[in-house]
Amino acid sequence: MSTTRIKLPFVRTYADSDAETAMGMLQVAFLKQDIPPKPYVKVDVHIFCAPAEEKGTLGILTLVLESLDGLAWETREQLRTVIVQRGEGEEGMTPMTDIWINWEDGRE
């Protein structure tokens, strides 16, 4: 099992005016990681964002899936689990998004 973690200083949704910028930031951050060679067998994605409104989690999920499609997995059929959590965060906290991606090794 291989894992990578992407920590970004924002919580964005597709409804935001800078969603394209957020997509670009996510793709660049992913490509800078030490990622295993394709093809991956199964992929688990865990997204944690804080602080975030409940309505924002669907936008975060869409943003991550669209941004990493073809980068972190070859097809959506490889996604085994996708979990999105939101945290209350502390007052004055800078919004952040943490994304963990786990790949199952085909040899296991």
PDB file of N, CA and C in Angstrom:
ATOM      1  N   MET A   1       0.851  -1.175   0.000  1.00  0.00           N
ATOM      2  CA  MET A   1       0.000   0.000   0.000  1.00  0.00           C
ATOM      3  C   MET A   1       0.893   1.233   0.000  1.00  0.00           C
ATOM      4  N   SER A   2       0.644   2.129  -0.920  1.00  0.00           N
ATOM      5  CA  SER A   2       1.361   3.401  -0.996  1.00  0.00           C
ATOM      6  C   SER A   2       0.418   4.522  -0.593  1.00  0.00           C
ATOM      7  N   THR A   3       0.967   5.541   0.047  1.00  0.00           N
ATOM      8  CA  THR A   3       0.141   6.661   0.507  1.00  0.00           C
ATOM      9  C   THR A   3       0.810   7.984   0.173  1.00  0.00           C
ATOM     10  N   THR A   4       0.014   8.955  -0.194  1.00  0.00           N
ATOM     11  CA  THR A   4       0.514  10.319  -0.315  1.00  0.00           C
ATOM     12  C   THR A   4      -0.476  11.249   0.374  1.00  0.00           C
ATOM     13  N   ARG A   5       0.013  12.373   0.836  1.00  0.00           N
ATOM     14  CA  ARG A   5      -0.826  13.349   1.529  1.00  0.00           C
ATOM     15  C   ARG A   5      -0.608  14.705   0.886  1.00  0.00           C
ATOM     16  N   ILE A   6      -1.701  15.384   0.605  1.00  0.00           N
ATOM     17  CA  ILE A   6      -1.643  16.731   0.044  1.00  0.00           C
ATOM     18  C   ILE A   6      -2.331  17.657   1.035  1.00  0.00           C
ATOM     19  N   LYS A   7      -1.634  18.676   1.483  1.00  0.00           N
ATOM     20  CA  LYS A   7      -2.218  19.644   2.413  1.00  0.00           C
ATOM     21  C   LYS A   7      -2.253  20.994   1.721  1.00  0.00           C
ATOM     22  N   LEU A   8      -3.451  21.536   1.574  1.00  0.00           N
ATOM     23  CA  LEU A   8      -3.610  22.794   0.862  1.00  0.00           C
ATOM     24  C   LEU A   8      -4.219  23.858   1.763  1.00  0.00           C
ATOM     25  N   PRO A   9      -3.804  25.101   1.597  1.00  0.00           N
ATOM     26  CA  PRO A   9      -4.303  26.175   2.458  1.00  0.00           C
ATOM     27  C   PRO A   9      -5.603  26.796   1.955  1.00  0.00           C
ATOM     28  N   PHE A  10      -6.601  25.973   1.671  1.00  0.00           N
ATOM     29  CA  PHE A  10      -7.897  26.513   1.294  1.00  0.00           C
ATOM     30  C   PHE A  10      -8.977  25.457   1.436  1.00  0.00           C
ATOM     31  N   VAL A  11     -10.188  25.928   1.504  1.00  0.00           N
ATOM     32  CA  VAL A  11     -11.354  25.065   1.394  1.00  0.00           C
ATOM     33  C   VAL A  11     -12.180  25.694   0.287  1.00  0.00           C
ATOM     34  N   ARG A  12     -12.258  25.026  -0.838  1.00  0.00           N
ATOM     35  CA  ARG A  12     -12.931  25.581  -2.007  1.00  0.00           C
ATOM     36  C   ARG A  12     -14.031  24.632  -2.470  1.00  0.00           C
ATOM     37  N   THR A  13     -14.987  25.176  -3.177  1.00  0.00           N
ATOM     38  CA  THR A  13     -16.006  24.353  -3.802  1.00  0.00           C
ATOM     39  C   THR A  13     -16.103  24.766  -5.264  1.00  0.00           C
ATOM     40  N   TYR A  14     -16.827  24.004  -6.040  1.00  0.00           N
ATOM     41  CA  TYR A  14     -17.010  24.351  -7.440  1.00  0.00           C
ATOM     42  C   TYR A  14     -17.798  25.637  -7.595  1.00  0.00           C
ATOM     43  N   ALA A  15     -18.519  26.029  -6.572  1.00  0.00           N
ATOM     44  CA  ALA A  15     -19.309  27.261  -6.649  1.00  0.00           C
ATOM     45  C   ALA A  15     -18.426  28.495  -6.505  1.00  0.00           C
ATOM     46  N   ASP A  16     -17.199  28.307  -6.028  1.00  0.00           N
ATOM     47  CA  ASP A  16     -16.297  29.443  -5.823  1.00  0.00           C
ATOM     48  C   ASP A  16     -15.785  29.983  -7.149  1.00  0.00           C
ATOM     49  N   SER A  17     -15.542  31.274  -7.180  1.00  0.00           N
ATOM     50  CA  SER A  17     -15.054  31.895  -8.417  1.00  0.00           C
ATOM     51  C   SER A  17     -13.637  31.449  -8.753  1.00  0.00           C
ATOM     52  N   ASP A  18     -12.821  31.064  -7.744  1.00  0.00           N
ATOM     53  CA  ASP A  18     -11.461  30.612  -8.070  1.00  0.00           C
ATOM     54  C   ASP A  18     -11.340  29.106  -8.122  1.00  0.00           C
ATOM     55  N   ALA A  19     -12.390  28.383  -8.445  1.00  0.00           N
ATOM     56  CA  ALA A  19     -12.303  26.913  -8.481  1.00  0.00           C
ATOM     57  C   ALA A  19     -11.227  26.445  -9.452  1.00  0.00           C
ATOM     58  N   GLU A  20     -11.068  27.128 -10.578  1.00  0.00           N
ATOM     59  CA  GLU A  20     -10.038  26.711 -11.531  1.00  0.00           C
ATOM     60  C   GLU A  20      -8.661  26.851 -10.924  1.00  0.00           C
ATOM     61  N   THR A  21      -8.429  27.914 -10.174  1.00  0.00           N
ATOM     62  CA  THR A  21      -7.159  28.089  -9.486  1.00  0.00           C
ATOM     63  C   THR A  21      -6.958  26.984  -8.455  1.00  0.00           C
ATOM     64  N   ALA A  22      -8.015  26.644  -7.728  1.00  0.00           N
ATOM     65  CA  ALA A  22      -7.925  25.575  -6.740  1.00  0.00           C
ATOM     66  C   ALA A  22      -7.605  24.245  -7.418  1.00  0.00           C
ATOM     67  N   MET A  23      -8.217  23.975  -8.566  1.00  0.00           N
ATOM     68  CA  MET A  23      -7.921  22.743  -9.307  1.00  0.00           C
ATOM     69  C   MET A  23      -6.452  22.698  -9.704  1.00  0.00           C
ATOM     70  N   GLY A  24      -5.963  23.819 -10.209  1.00  0.00           N
ATOM     71  CA  GLY A  24      -4.559  23.875 -10.610  1.00  0.00           C
ATOM     72  C   GLY A  24      -3.616  23.658  -9.441  1.00  0.00           C
ATOM     73  N   MET A  25      -3.922  24.279  -8.300  1.00  0.00           N
ATOM     74  CA  MET A  25      -3.093  24.108  -7.106  1.00  0.00           C
ATOM     75  C   MET A  25      -3.064  22.641  -6.672  1.00  0.00           C
ATOM     76  N   LEU A  26      -4.224  22.000  -6.719  1.00  0.00           N
ATOM     77  CA  LEU A  26      -4.320  20.599  -6.303  1.00  0.00           C
ATOM     78  C   LEU A  26      -3.530  19.696  -7.243  1.00  0.00           C
ATOM     79  N   GLN A  27      -3.651  19.920  -8.536  1.00  0.00           N
ATOM     80  CA  GLN A  27      -2.921  19.101  -9.502  1.00  0.00           C
ATOM     81  C   GLN A  27      -1.408  19.272  -9.353  1.00  0.00           C
ATOM     82  N   VAL A  28      -0.961  20.500  -9.199  1.00  0.00           N
ATOM     83  CA  VAL A  28       0.475  20.759  -9.032  1.00  0.00           C
ATOM     84  C   VAL A  28       0.982  20.127  -7.739  1.00  0.00           C
ATOM     85  N   ALA A  29       0.215  20.284  -6.652  1.00  0.00           N
ATOM     86  CA  ALA A  29       0.617  19.691  -5.369  1.00  0.00           C
ATOM     87  C   ALA A  29       0.715  18.178  -5.475  1.00  0.00           C
ATOM     88  N   PHE A  30      -0.221  17.563  -6.182  1.00  0.00           N
ATOM     89  CA  PHE A  30      -0.184  16.106  -6.348  1.00  0.00           C
ATOM     90  C   PHE A  30       1.033  15.680  -7.153  1.00  0.00           C
ATOM     91  N   LEU A  31       1.296  16.360  -8.239  1.00  0.00           N
ATOM     92  CA  LEU A  31       2.408  15.980  -9.109  1.00  0.00           C
ATOM     93  C   LEU A  31       3.766  16.151  -8.435  1.00  0.00           C
ATOM     94  N   LYS A  32       3.844  16.984  -7.401  1.00  0.00           N
ATOM     95  CA  LYS A  32       5.104  17.167  -6.670  1.00  0.00           C
ATOM     96  C   LYS A  32       5.348  16.059  -5.648  1.00  0.00           C
ATOM     97  N   GLN A  33       4.334  15.217  -5.404  1.00  0.00           N
ATOM     98  CA  GLN A  33       4.478  14.143  -4.415  1.00  0.00           C
ATOM     99  C   GLN A  33       5.304  12.997  -4.985  1.00  0.00           C
ATOM    100  N   ASP A  34       5.805  12.167  -4.079  1.00  0.00           N
ATOM    101  CA  ASP A  34       6.525  10.962  -4.481  1.00  0.00           C
ATOM    102  C   ASP A  34       5.467   9.885  -4.703  1.00  0.00           C
ATOM    103  N   ILE A  35       4.929   9.825  -5.925  1.00  0.00           N
ATOM    104  CA  ILE A  35       3.806   8.933  -6.191  1.00  0.00           C
ATOM    105  C   ILE A  35       4.269   7.655  -6.875  1.00  0.00           C
ATOM    106  N   PRO A  36       3.587   6.543  -6.621  1.00  0.00           N
ATOM    107  CA  PRO A  36       3.985   5.272  -7.238  1.00  0.00           C
ATOM    108  C   PRO A  36       3.638   5.259  -8.728  1.00  0.00           C
ATOM    109  N   PRO A  37       4.296   4.427  -9.494  1.00  0.00           N
ATOM    110  CA  PRO A  37       4.001   4.362 -10.927  1.00  0.00           C
ATOM    111  C   PRO A  37       2.618   3.759 -11.183  1.00  0.00           C
ATOM    112  N   LYS A  38       1.974   4.186 -12.271  1.00  0.00           N
ATOM    113  CA  LYS A  38       0.688   3.606 -12.660  1.00  0.00           C
ATOM    114  C   LYS A  38       0.941   2.245 -13.280  1.00  0.00           C
ATOM    115  N   PRO A  39      -0.039   1.378 -13.409  1.00  0.00           N
ATOM    116  CA  PRO A  39      -1.414   1.573 -12.944  1.00  0.00           C
ATOM    117  C   PRO A  39      -1.579   1.144 -11.493  1.00  0.00           C
ATOM    118  N   TYR A  40      -2.458   1.802 -10.800  1.00  0.00           N
ATOM    119  CA  TYR A  40      -2.795   1.424  -9.438  1.00  0.00           C
ATOM    120  C   TYR A  40      -3.966   0.444  -9.517  1.00  0.00           C
ATOM    121  N   VAL A  41      -4.103  -0.385  -8.501  1.00  0.00           N
ATOM    122  CA  VAL A  41      -5.192  -1.361  -8.521  1.00  0.00           C
ATOM    123  C   VAL A  41      -6.452  -0.750  -7.942  1.00  0.00           C
ATOM    124  N   LYS A  42      -6.421  -0.379  -6.679  1.00  0.00           N
ATOM    125  CA  LYS A  42      -7.565   0.257  -6.031  1.00  0.00           C
ATOM    126  C   LYS A  42      -7.073   1.481  -5.289  1.00  0.00           C
ATOM    127  N   VAL A  43      -7.912   2.490  -5.201  1.00  0.00           N
ATOM    128  CA  VAL A  43      -7.529   3.756  -4.587  1.00  0.00           C
ATOM    129  C   VAL A  43      -8.543   4.138  -3.520  1.00  0.00           C
ATOM    130  N   ASP A  44      -8.050   4.561  -2.354  1.00  0.00           N
ATOM    131  CA  ASP A  44      -8.883   5.097  -1.281  1.00  0.00           C
ATOM    132  C   ASP A  44      -8.529   6.574  -1.127  1.00  0.00           C
ATOM    133  N   VAL A  45      -9.542   7.422  -1.042  1.00  0.00           N
ATOM    134  CA  VAL A  45      -9.332   8.854  -0.896  1.00  0.00           C
ATOM    135  C   VAL A  45     -10.015   9.332   0.376  1.00  0.00           C
ATOM    136  N   HIS A  46      -9.289  10.033   1.219  1.00  0.00           N
ATOM    137  CA  HIS A  46      -9.844  10.598   2.448  1.00  0.00           C
ATOM    138  C   HIS A  46      -9.584  12.095   2.418  1.00  0.00           C
ATOM    139  N   ILE A  47     -10.652  12.874   2.472  1.00  0.00           N
ATOM    140  CA  ILE A  47     -10.552  14.335   2.403  1.00  0.00           C
ATOM    141  C   ILE A  47     -11.034  14.922   3.727  1.00  0.00           C
ATOM    142  N   PHE A  48     -10.235  15.794   4.311  1.00  0.00           N
ATOM    143  CA  PHE A  48     -10.638  16.471   5.545  1.00  0.00           C
ATOM    144  C   PHE A  48     -10.509  17.966   5.314  1.00  0.00           C
ATOM    145  N   CYS A  49     -11.580  18.717   5.544  1.00  0.00           N
ATOM    146  CA  CYS A  49     -11.508  20.163   5.370  1.00  0.00           C
ATOM    147  C   CYS A  49     -12.049  20.874   6.599  1.00  0.00           C
ATOM    148  N   ALA A  50     -11.390  21.966   6.960  1.00  0.00           N
ATOM    149  CA  ALA A  50     -11.803  22.724   8.139  1.00  0.00           C
ATOM    150  C   ALA A  50     -11.328  24.158   8.006  1.00  0.00           C
ATOM    151  N   PRO A  51     -12.073  25.105   8.501  1.00  0.00           N
ATOM    152  CA  PRO A  51     -13.488  24.922   8.815  1.00  0.00           C
ATOM    153  C   PRO A  51     -14.281  24.878   7.512  1.00  0.00           C
ATOM    154  N   ALA A  52     -15.385  24.198   7.512  1.00  0.00           N
ATOM    155  CA  ALA A  52     -16.183  24.078   6.297  1.00  0.00           C
ATOM    156  C   ALA A  52     -17.656  23.985   6.636  1.00  0.00           C
ATOM    157  N   GLU A  53     -18.463  24.600   5.817  1.00  0.00           N
ATOM    158  CA  GLU A  53     -19.899  24.461   5.983  1.00  0.00           C
ATOM    159  C   GLU A  53     -20.316  23.119   5.400  1.00  0.00           C
ATOM    160  N   GLU A  54     -21.390  22.562   5.907  1.00  0.00           N
ATOM    161  CA  GLU A  54     -21.834  21.254   5.439  1.00  0.00           C
ATOM    162  C   GLU A  54     -22.061  21.237   3.931  1.00  0.00           C
ATOM    163  N   LYS A  55     -22.619  22.315   3.394  1.00  0.00           N
ATOM    164  CA  LYS A  55     -22.892  22.344   1.961  1.00  0.00           C
ATOM    165  C   LYS A  55     -21.606  22.335   1.137  1.00  0.00           C
ATOM    166  N   GLY A  56     -20.485  22.686   1.755  1.00  0.00           N
ATOM    167  CA  GLY A  56     -19.229  22.748   1.021  1.00  0.00           C
ATOM    168  C   GLY A  56     -18.576  21.408   0.778  1.00  0.00           C
ATOM    169  N   THR A  57     -18.953  20.370   1.509  1.00  0.00           N
ATOM    170  CA  THR A  57     -18.249  19.092   1.361  1.00  0.00           C
ATOM    171  C   THR A  57     -18.497  18.462  -0.005  1.00  0.00           C
ATOM    172  N   LEU A  58     -19.688  18.625  -0.563  1.00  0.00           N
ATOM    173  CA  LEU A  58     -19.953  18.074  -1.890  1.00  0.00           C
ATOM    174  C   LEU A  58     -19.089  18.782  -2.931  1.00  0.00           C
ATOM    175  N   GLY A  59     -18.926  20.084  -2.793  1.00  0.00           N
ATOM    176  CA  GLY A  59     -18.069  20.829  -3.703  1.00  0.00           C
ATOM    177  C   GLY A  59     -16.611  20.409  -3.592  1.00  0.00           C
ATOM    178  N   ILE A  60     -16.150  20.162  -2.368  1.00  0.00           N
ATOM    179  CA  ILE A  60     -14.768  19.699  -2.161  1.00  0.00           C
ATOM    180  C   ILE A  60     -14.571  18.337  -2.818  1.00  0.00           C
ATOM    181  N   LEU A  61     -15.532  17.440  -2.622  1.00  0.00           N
ATOM    182  CA  LEU A  61     -15.443  16.111  -3.230  1.00  0.00           C
ATOM    183  C   LEU A  61     -15.370  16.235  -4.751  1.00  0.00           C
ATOM    184  N   THR A  62     -16.246  17.034  -5.338  1.00  0.00           N
ATOM    185  CA  THR A  62     -16.250  17.218  -6.790  1.00  0.00           C
ATOM    186  C   THR A  62     -14.925  17.798  -7.261  1.00  0.00           C
ATOM    187  N   LEU A  63     -14.428  18.784  -6.541  1.00  0.00           N
ATOM    188  CA  LEU A  63     -13.159  19.415  -6.891  1.00  0.00           C
ATOM    189  C   LEU A  63     -12.026  18.396  -6.910  1.00  0.00           C
ATOM    190  N   VAL A  64     -11.928  17.583  -5.862  1.00  0.00           N
ATOM    191  CA  VAL A  64     -10.848  16.586  -5.769  1.00  0.00           C
ATOM    192  C   VAL A  64     -10.979  15.537  -6.859  1.00  0.00           C
ATOM    193  N   LEU A  65     -12.187  15.004  -7.053  1.00  0.00           N
ATOM    194  CA  LEU A  65     -12.372  13.960  -8.063  1.00  0.00           C
ATOM    195  C   LEU A  65     -12.064  14.475  -9.467  1.00  0.00           C
ATOM    196  N   GLU A  66     -12.521  15.688  -9.786  1.00  0.00           N
ATOM    197  CA  GLU A  66     -12.261  16.239 -11.112  1.00  0.00           C
ATOM    198  C   GLU A  66     -10.780  16.591 -11.301  1.00  0.00           C
ATOM    199  N   SER A  67     -10.164  17.128 -10.266  1.00  0.00           N
ATOM    200  CA  SER A  67      -8.760  17.555 -10.380  1.00  0.00           C
ATOM    201  C   SER A  67      -7.812  16.378 -10.530  1.00  0.00           C
ATOM    202  N   LEU A  68      -8.065  15.306  -9.798  1.00  0.00           N
ATOM    203  CA  LEU A  68      -7.119  14.185  -9.765  1.00  0.00           C
ATOM    204  C   LEU A  68      -7.488  13.053 -10.720  1.00  0.00           C
ATOM    205  N   ASP A  69      -8.594  13.212 -11.432  1.00  0.00           N
ATOM    206  CA  ASP A  69      -8.996  12.186 -12.391  1.00  0.00           C
ATOM    207  C   ASP A  69      -7.938  12.091 -13.486  1.00  0.00           C
ATOM    208  N   GLY A  70      -7.388  10.894 -13.682  1.00  0.00           N
ATOM    209  CA  GLY A  70      -6.329  10.700 -14.665  1.00  0.00           C
ATOM    210  C   GLY A  70      -4.936  10.930 -14.123  1.00  0.00           C
ATOM    211  N   LEU A  71      -4.831  11.551 -12.932  1.00  0.00           N
ATOM    212  CA  LEU A  71      -3.528  11.748 -12.295  1.00  0.00           C
ATOM    213  C   LEU A  71      -3.311  10.736 -11.183  1.00  0.00           C
ATOM    214  N   ALA A  72      -4.254  10.672 -10.231  1.00  0.00           N
ATOM    215  CA  ALA A  72      -4.115   9.780  -9.083  1.00  0.00           C
ATOM    216  C   ALA A  72      -4.698   8.398  -9.370  1.00  0.00           C
ATOM    217  N   TRP A  73      -5.503   8.294 -10.402  1.00  0.00           N
ATOM    218  CA  TRP A  73      -6.053   7.011 -10.832  1.00  0.00           C
ATOM    219  C   TRP A  73      -6.324   7.131 -12.323  1.00  0.00           C
ATOM    220  N   GLU A  74      -6.327   5.994 -13.003  1.00  0.00           N
ATOM    221  CA  GLU A  74      -6.554   6.023 -14.453  1.00  0.00           C
ATOM    222  C   GLU A  74      -8.036   6.119 -14.781  1.00  0.00           C
ATOM    223  N   THR A  75      -8.876   5.422 -14.019  1.00  0.00           N
ATOM    224  CA  THR A  75     -10.322   5.492 -14.222  1.00  0.00           C
ATOM    225  C   THR A  75     -11.002   5.537 -12.865  1.00  0.00           C
ATOM    226  N   ARG A  76     -12.225   6.077 -12.823  1.00  0.00           N
ATOM    227  CA  ARG A  76     -12.975   6.170 -11.567  1.00  0.00           C
ATOM    228  C   ARG A  76     -13.311   4.797 -10.992  1.00  0.00           C
ATOM    229  N   GLU A  77     -13.296   3.753 -11.840  1.00  0.00           N
ATOM    230  CA  GLU A  77     -13.580   2.400 -11.358  1.00  0.00           C
ATOM    231  C   GLU A  77     -12.537   1.947 -10.325  1.00  0.00           C
ATOM    232  N   GLN A  78     -11.382   2.587 -10.320  1.00  0.00           N
ATOM    233  CA  GLN A  78     -10.338   2.221  -9.365  1.00  0.00           C
ATOM    234  C   GLN A  78     -10.627   2.742  -7.959  1.00  0.00           C
ATOM    235  N   LEU A  79     -11.554   3.701  -7.832  1.00  0.00           N
ATOM    236  CA  LEU A  79     -11.862   4.262  -6.516  1.00  0.00           C
ATOM    237  C   LEU A  79     -12.645   3.255  -5.698  1.00  0.00           C
ATOM    238  N   ARG A  80     -12.062   2.834  -4.590  1.00  0.00           N
ATOM    239  CA  ARG A  80     -12.725   1.868  -3.717  1.00  0.00           C
ATOM    240  C   ARG A  80     -13.535   2.593  -2.649  1.00  0.00           C
ATOM    241  N   THR A  81     -12.924   3.568  -1.998  1.00  0.00           N
ATOM    242  CA  THR A  81     -13.636   4.355  -0.990  1.00  0.00           C
ATOM    243  C   THR A  81     -13.241   5.821  -1.120  1.00  0.00           C
ATOM    244  N   VAL A  82     -14.214   6.681  -0.880  1.00  0.00           N
ATOM    245  CA  VAL A  82     -13.973   8.124  -0.846  1.00  0.00           C
ATOM    246  C   VAL A  82     -14.692   8.649   0.386  1.00  0.00           C
ATOM    247  N   ILE A  83     -13.944   9.229   1.311  1.00  0.00           N
ATOM    248  CA  ILE A  83     -14.506   9.760   2.549  1.00  0.00           C
ATOM    249  C   ILE A  83     -14.231  11.255   2.599  1.00  0.00           C
ATOM    250  N   VAL A  84     -15.272  12.036   2.876  1.00  0.00           N
ATOM    251  CA  VAL A  84     -15.094  13.481   3.041  1.00  0.00           C
ATOM    252  C   VAL A  84     -15.548  13.839   4.446  1.00  0.00           C
ATOM    253  N   GLN A  85     -14.678  14.469   5.221  1.00  0.00           N
ATOM    254  CA  GLN A  85     -15.005  14.894   6.580  1.00  0.00           C
ATOM    255  C   GLN A  85     -14.786  16.387   6.696  1.00  0.00           C
ATOM    256  N   ARG A  86     -15.554  16.994   7.553  1.00  0.00           N
ATOM    257  CA  ARG A  86     -15.347  18.412   7.814  1.00  0.00           C
ATOM    258  C   ARG A  86     -15.076  18.606   9.288  1.00  0.00           C
ATOM    259  N   GLY A  87     -14.228  19.545   9.593  1.00  0.00           N
ATOM    260  CA  GLY A  87     -13.914  19.861  10.974  1.00  0.00           C
ATOM    261  C   GLY A  87     -14.417  21.249  11.299  1.00  0.00           C
ATOM    262  N   GLU A  88     -14.745  21.447  12.546  1.00  0.00           N
ATOM    263  CA  GLU A  88     -15.237  22.763  12.966  1.00  0.00           C
ATOM    264  C   GLU A  88     -14.126  23.798  12.877  1.00  0.00           C
ATOM    265  N   GLY A  89     -12.927  23.408  13.245  1.00  0.00           N
ATOM    266  CA  GLY A  89     -11.826  24.353  13.241  1.00  0.00           C
ATOM    267  C   GLY A  89     -11.939  25.346  14.378  1.00  0.00           C
ATOM    268  N   GLU A  90     -10.877  26.075  14.602  1.00  0.00           N
ATOM    269  CA  GLU A  90     -10.865  27.075  15.659  1.00  0.00           C
ATOM    270  C   GLU A  90     -11.186  28.442  15.075  1.00  0.00           C
ATOM    271  N   GLU A  91     -11.660  29.333  15.909  1.00  0.00           N
ATOM    272  CA  GLU A  91     -11.989  30.672  15.443  1.00  0.00           C
ATOM    273  C   GLU A  91     -10.741  31.340  14.884  1.00  0.00           C
ATOM    274  N   GLY A  92     -10.874  31.941  13.721  1.00  0.00           N
ATOM    275  CA  GLY A  92      -9.742  32.609  13.089  1.00  0.00           C
ATOM    276  C   GLY A  92      -8.798  31.670  12.355  1.00  0.00           C
ATOM    277  N   MET A  93      -9.129  30.399  12.323  1.00  0.00           N
ATOM    278  CA  MET A  93      -8.276  29.405  11.672  1.00  0.00           C
ATOM    279  C   MET A  93      -8.257  29.631  10.156  1.00  0.00           C
ATOM    280  N   THR A  94      -7.088  29.490   9.562  1.00  0.00           N
ATOM    281  CA  THR A  94      -6.979  29.574   8.113  1.00  0.00           C
ATOM    282  C   THR A  94      -7.607  28.314   7.525  1.00  0.00           C
ATOM    283  N   PRO A  95      -8.513  28.444   6.564  1.00  0.00           N
ATOM    284  CA  PRO A  95      -9.111  27.251   5.962  1.00  0.00           C
ATOM    285  C   PRO A  95      -8.046  26.332   5.388  1.00  0.00           C
ATOM    286  N   MET A  96      -8.267  25.032   5.485  1.00  0.00           N
ATOM    287  CA  MET A  96      -7.306  24.069   4.961  1.00  0.00           C
ATOM    288  C   MET A  96      -8.032  22.824   4.473  1.00  0.00           C
ATOM    289  N   THR A  97      -7.398  22.154   3.532  1.00  0.00           N
ATOM    290  CA  THR A  97      -7.902  20.892   3.008  1.00  0.00           C
ATOM    291  C   THR A  97      -6.768  19.889   3.055  1.00  0.00           C
ATOM    292  N   ASP A  98      -6.998  18.755   3.688  1.00  0.00           N
ATOM    293  CA  ASP A  98      -6.034  17.655   3.764  1.00  0.00           C
ATOM    294  C   ASP A  98      -6.578  16.507   2.938  1.00  0.00           C
ATOM    295  N   ILE A  99      -5.765  15.963   2.062  1.00  0.00           N
ATOM    296  CA  ILE A  99      -6.202  14.856   1.218  1.00  0.00           C
ATOM    297  C   ILE A  99      -5.188  13.729   1.339  1.00  0.00           C
ATOM    298  N   TRP A 100      -5.662  12.562   1.732  1.00  0.00           N
ATOM    299  CA  TRP A 100      -4.814  11.365   1.785  1.00  0.00           C
ATOM    300  C   TRP A 100      -5.276  10.429   0.685  1.00  0.00           C
ATOM    301  N   ILE A 101      -4.325   9.912  -0.085  1.00  0.00           N
ATOM    302  CA  ILE A 101      -4.641   8.973  -1.159  1.00  0.00           C
ATOM    303  C   ILE A 101      -3.834   7.708  -0.920  1.00  0.00           C
ATOM    304  N   ASN A 102      -4.521   6.586  -0.828  1.00  0.00           N
ATOM    305  CA  ASN A 102      -3.869   5.288  -0.637  1.00  0.00           C
ATOM    306  C   ASN A 102      -4.061   4.442  -1.883  1.00  0.00           C
ATOM    307  N   TRP A 103      -2.984   3.855  -2.376  1.00  0.00           N
ATOM    308  CA  TRP A 103      -3.040   2.974  -3.528  1.00  0.00           C
ATOM    309  C   TRP A 103      -2.728   1.556  -3.108  1.00  0.00           C
ATOM    310  N   GLU A 104      -3.548   0.635  -3.547  1.00  0.00           N
ATOM    311  CA  GLU A 104      -3.277  -0.782  -3.310  1.00  0.00           C
ATOM    312  C   GLU A 104      -2.283  -1.237  -4.378  1.00  0.00           C
ATOM    313  N   ASP A 105      -1.241  -1.898  -3.937  1.00  0.00           N
ATOM    314  CA  ASP A 105      -0.225  -2.393  -4.863  1.00  0.00           C
ATOM    315  C   ASP A 105      -0.751  -3.657  -5.536  1.00  0.00           C
ATOM    316  N   GLY A 106      -0.643  -3.741  -6.835  1.00  0.00           N
ATOM    317  CA  GLY A 106      -1.148  -4.895  -7.583  1.00  0.00           C
ATOM    318  C   GLY A 106      -0.460  -6.199  -7.226  1.00  0.00           C
ATOM    319  N   ARG A 107       0.703  -6.135  -6.599  1.00  0.00           N
ATOM    320  CA  ARG A 107       1.429  -7.359  -6.252  1.00  0.00           C
ATOM    321  C   ARG A 107       1.030  -7.909  -4.904  1.00  0.00           C
ATOM    322  N   GLU A 108       0.206  -7.167  -4.137  1.00  0.00           N
ATOM    323  CA  GLU A 108      -0.164  -7.629  -2.798  1.00  0.00           C
ATOM    324  C   GLU A 108      -1.256  -8.664  -2.865  1.00  0.00           C
TER     325      GLU A 108
END
